[in-house]
Structure formats: C-alpha cells, structure tokens
Amino acid sequence: MSPRLRPARPEDDDWILSEHRRHYAEVEGFDAGFGAAVASALADFRAAPQAARQAAWLAVEGTARLGCLFCTEAGPDTARLRLFYVAPAARGTGLAGDLLDAAERFAAGAGFARLAVSTYSAHAAACALYARRGMAVTARTPERAFGRDLVRLDFAAMLDAPPAGR
C-alpha cells in the first residue's frame, strides 16, 4: 500500500463524517451524539477565519480514501489534532504515522510550540502512537459521552522545530 496525502477538501467531508459515524458506532458503541460532534468539528474547521493556522490531510490510494487528520489552532502557541481516522484496511501500514508526521511538520512550521490531542483510553492504538511520539498524558477525565462511560486522555508534546519525518 502506498497512499499519498493531499489536503482534505470540503467534498471529502461527507466521507469523513460517514466513516467516523459508522466506525465509532460499530466498534465503540457510540451514539448519534458522536456524529453530531464530528459534524460540528468539520463545520468549525471550514468556517475558521485563520486558515493559515490550520490544515487537514486526506490519505488516498487511487480513488480510495483511507484516512484523515485535522490540525487546528487551540491557542496562540498550541495546535490541536482533530478527526484522526485510519480506515481498518489501512491500519498497521504506517499510515497513521505518516498523517501524524504531516501534522507535526505543519504545526511546527506554522509557529506552534505545542501539539495537543484528546482521545479515549479505550483507543489503545492511538494512545500507543502518541506515547511513541513523545506525547505525555496531561489529564485523565472520566466522562459520560456518546452514550458510554469513558476516560478522556489529553496528550501534549512540545514542538521545537519541524520534524524531519520518522
């Protein structure tokens, strides 16, 4: 598999929303509130006035969409990862790392000093990826979300300079 990354475009939003809804309903048992949260994140991204401080990537192979990752401004010095998804067929291929590399390079190049992301403890692969990349857990918060009892984990890392890739 040799997917390429390209900017995520508005015409990709239906696929991004559909994949997030389907996957998290089937695998995590998340209710419709999750799809609403994804739709809200997409709308916020598209409406953001400072496009130079945000970016989004879609991984594609031919016409197949395989994954996505969004990077948004969370504060003057902090970039936040959002909507990180890799299709089941592309998992274990290094695609998640490629998407994360692109986000780290963008964030550092855009002048952010810190990279942050939130996920749930049940997402073991994502948690392991963030830990391998030197991101530390900054908060653990039990919460009721999307029809489930979950533990949200907030991760963060400092960005000194654009990474050379891994």
Protein backbone atom coordinates (compact mmCIF):
# COMPACT_ATOMS: atom_id res chain seq x y z
CA MET A 1 0.00 0.00 0.00
CA SER A 2 1.40 3.36 -0.97
CA PRO A 3 -1.18 6.02 -0.15
CA ARG A 4 -0.45 9.68 -0.68
CA LEU A 5 -1.53 12.57 1.48
CA ARG A 6 -3.37 15.51 -0.01
CA PRO A 7 -5.28 18.41 1.53
CA ALA A 8 -8.74 17.42 2.73
CA ARG A 9 -11.33 19.31 0.71
CA PRO A 10 -14.95 20.19 1.50
CA GLU A 11 -16.12 17.43 -0.86
CA ASP A 12 -14.36 14.94 1.44
CA ASP A 13 -16.42 15.98 4.45
CA ASP A 14 -19.30 13.56 3.75
CA TRP A 15 -16.85 10.62 3.70
CA ILE A 16 -15.09 11.84 6.85
CA LEU A 17 -18.38 12.19 8.70
CA SER A 18 -19.76 8.89 7.41
CA GLU A 19 -16.62 6.91 8.30
CA HIS A 20 -16.41 8.39 11.78
CA ARG A 21 -20.12 7.72 12.44
CA ARG A 22 -20.00 4.16 11.10
CA HIS A 23 -16.75 3.10 12.70
CA TYR A 24 -17.37 4.52 16.16
CA ALA A 25 -20.95 3.22 16.26
CA GLU A 26 -19.87 -0.30 15.24
CA VAL A 27 -16.61 -0.60 17.16
CA GLU A 28 -17.14 1.68 20.18
CA GLY A 29 -20.92 1.67 20.51
CA PHE A 30 -21.02 5.48 20.33
CA ASP A 31 -24.46 7.02 19.88
CA ALA A 32 -25.56 9.67 17.38
CA GLY A 33 -24.04 12.40 19.54
CA PHE A 34 -20.64 11.40 18.19
CA GLY A 35 -21.67 12.07 14.60
CA ALA A 36 -23.01 15.45 15.69
CA ALA A 37 -19.66 16.26 17.34
CA VAL A 38 -17.77 15.30 14.16
CA ALA A 39 -20.14 17.39 12.02
CA SER A 40 -19.59 20.33 14.37
CA ALA A 41 -15.79 19.95 14.19
CA LEU A 42 -15.95 19.87 10.38
CA ALA A 43 -18.17 22.97 10.28
CA ASP A 44 -15.85 24.83 12.68
CA PHE A 45 -12.85 23.92 10.53
CA ARG A 46 -14.48 25.10 7.31
CA ALA A 47 -15.65 28.35 8.92
CA ALA A 48 -12.34 29.21 10.64
CA PRO A 49 -11.13 32.69 9.69
CA GLN A 50 -7.41 31.91 10.09
CA ALA A 51 -6.85 29.19 7.53
CA ALA A 52 -3.07 29.71 7.70
CA ARG A 53 -3.17 28.32 11.25
CA GLN A 54 -4.98 25.10 10.34
CA ALA A 55 -4.61 22.24 7.89
CA ALA A 56 -6.21 18.90 7.09
CA TRP A 57 -4.99 15.87 5.20
CA LEU A 58 -6.72 13.00 3.48
CA ALA A 59 -4.86 9.79 2.72
CA VAL A 60 -5.81 8.33 -0.64
CA GLU A 61 -4.76 5.44 -2.82
CA GLY A 62 -6.18 5.81 -6.29
CA THR A 63 -9.77 6.86 -5.65
CA ALA A 64 -9.98 5.14 -2.25
CA ARG A 65 -9.99 7.34 0.82
CA LEU A 66 -8.04 5.71 3.65
CA GLY A 67 -7.70 8.21 6.46
CA CYS A 68 -7.66 11.79 7.63
CA LEU A 69 -6.23 14.14 10.22
CA PHE A 70 -7.03 17.76 11.00
CA CYS A 71 -4.76 20.23 12.81
CA THR A 72 -6.36 23.35 14.28
CA GLU A 73 -5.35 26.27 16.43
CA ALA A 74 -6.17 25.71 20.10
CA GLY A 75 -4.38 28.83 21.29
CA PRO A 76 -1.58 31.16 20.22
CA ASP A 77 1.09 28.52 20.85
CA THR A 78 -0.91 25.27 20.72
CA ALA A 79 -2.06 23.19 17.76
CA ARG A 80 -4.72 20.54 18.32
CA LEU A 81 -5.18 17.32 16.39
CA ARG A 82 -8.78 16.53 15.47
CA LEU A 83 -10.70 13.93 13.48
CA PHE A 84 -7.80 11.43 13.27
CA TYR A 85 -9.06 8.35 11.45
CA VAL A 86 -7.46 5.48 9.56
CA ALA A 87 -9.70 3.00 7.74
CA PRO A 88 -9.44 -0.58 9.04
CA ALA A 89 -7.88 -1.79 5.77
CA ALA A 90 -5.00 0.70 6.18
CA ARG A 91 -4.23 0.06 9.84
CA GLY A 92 -0.81 -1.35 10.62
CA THR A 93 0.67 0.09 7.41
CA GLY A 94 2.34 3.17 8.91
CA LEU A 95 -0.34 5.49 7.53
CA ALA A 96 -1.21 6.85 10.98
CA GLY A 97 2.42 7.80 11.48
CA ASP A 98 2.54 9.48 8.05
CA LEU A 99 -0.53 11.56 8.91
CA LEU A 100 0.94 12.48 12.29
CA ASP A 101 4.27 13.44 10.63
CA ALA A 102 2.40 15.81 8.31
CA ALA A 103 0.58 17.41 11.24
CA GLU A 104 3.76 17.79 13.29
CA ARG A 105 5.60 19.41 10.38
CA PHE A 106 2.70 21.76 9.72
CA ALA A 107 2.29 22.74 13.38
CA ALA A 108 5.98 23.43 13.88
CA GLY A 109 6.21 25.30 10.58
CA ALA A 110 3.15 27.41 11.48
CA GLY A 111 4.93 28.54 14.63
CA PHE A 112 3.12 26.46 17.22
CA ALA A 113 5.25 25.45 20.22
CA ARG A 114 2.94 22.71 21.48
CA LEU A 115 0.84 19.91 19.97
CA ALA A 116 -2.19 18.58 21.82
CA VAL A 117 -4.75 15.84 21.22
CA SER A 118 -7.53 14.20 23.20
CA THR A 119 -8.69 10.61 22.84
CA TYR A 120 -10.23 7.92 25.00
CA SER A 121 -8.33 5.30 26.98
CA ALA A 122 -10.17 2.57 25.05
CA HIS A 123 -8.37 3.69 21.86
CA ALA A 124 -5.24 1.71 22.68
CA ALA A 125 -3.57 2.07 19.26
CA ALA A 126 -3.94 5.85 19.27
CA CYS A 127 -2.67 6.10 22.85
CA ALA A 128 0.34 3.94 21.97
CA LEU A 129 1.11 6.04 18.88
CA TYR A 130 1.02 9.29 20.85
CA ALA A 131 3.24 7.82 23.58
CA ARG A 132 5.77 6.56 20.99
CA ARG A 133 5.88 10.07 19.57
CA GLY A 134 6.82 11.53 22.95
CA MET A 135 3.41 12.91 23.83
CA ALA A 136 2.64 12.80 27.55
CA VAL A 137 -0.75 12.38 29.20
CA THR A 138 -1.60 15.74 30.76
CA ALA A 139 -5.08 14.86 32.07
CA ARG A 140 -7.34 11.86 32.64
CA THR A 141 -11.01 12.72 32.89
CA PRO A 142 -13.83 10.22 33.44
CA GLU A 143 -16.87 11.35 31.49
CA ARG A 144 -20.18 10.18 30.11
CA ALA A 145 -20.09 10.83 26.37
CA PHE A 146 -21.73 9.38 23.28
CA GLY A 147 -23.84 7.02 25.38
CA ARG A 148 -20.84 5.46 27.16
CA ASP A 149 -18.77 5.84 30.30
CA LEU A 150 -15.31 6.79 29.06
CA VAL A 151 -11.98 8.11 30.25
CA ARG A 152 -10.74 11.01 28.14
CA LEU A 153 -6.97 11.29 27.91
CA ASP A 154 -5.38 14.60 26.96
CA PHE A 155 -1.90 14.29 25.43
CA ALA A 156 0.59 17.06 24.66
CA ALA A 157 4.14 17.50 23.41
CA MET A 158 6.42 20.43 22.74
CA LEU A 159 7.41 21.17 19.15
CA ASP A 160 10.92 22.58 18.89
CA ALA A 161 11.24 22.54 15.11
CA PRO A 162 9.61 20.84 12.14
CA PRO A 163 10.38 17.10 12.47
CA ALA A 164 12.39 15.55 9.70
CA GLY A 165 9.97 12.62 9.50
CA ARG A 166 10.23 9.30 11.13
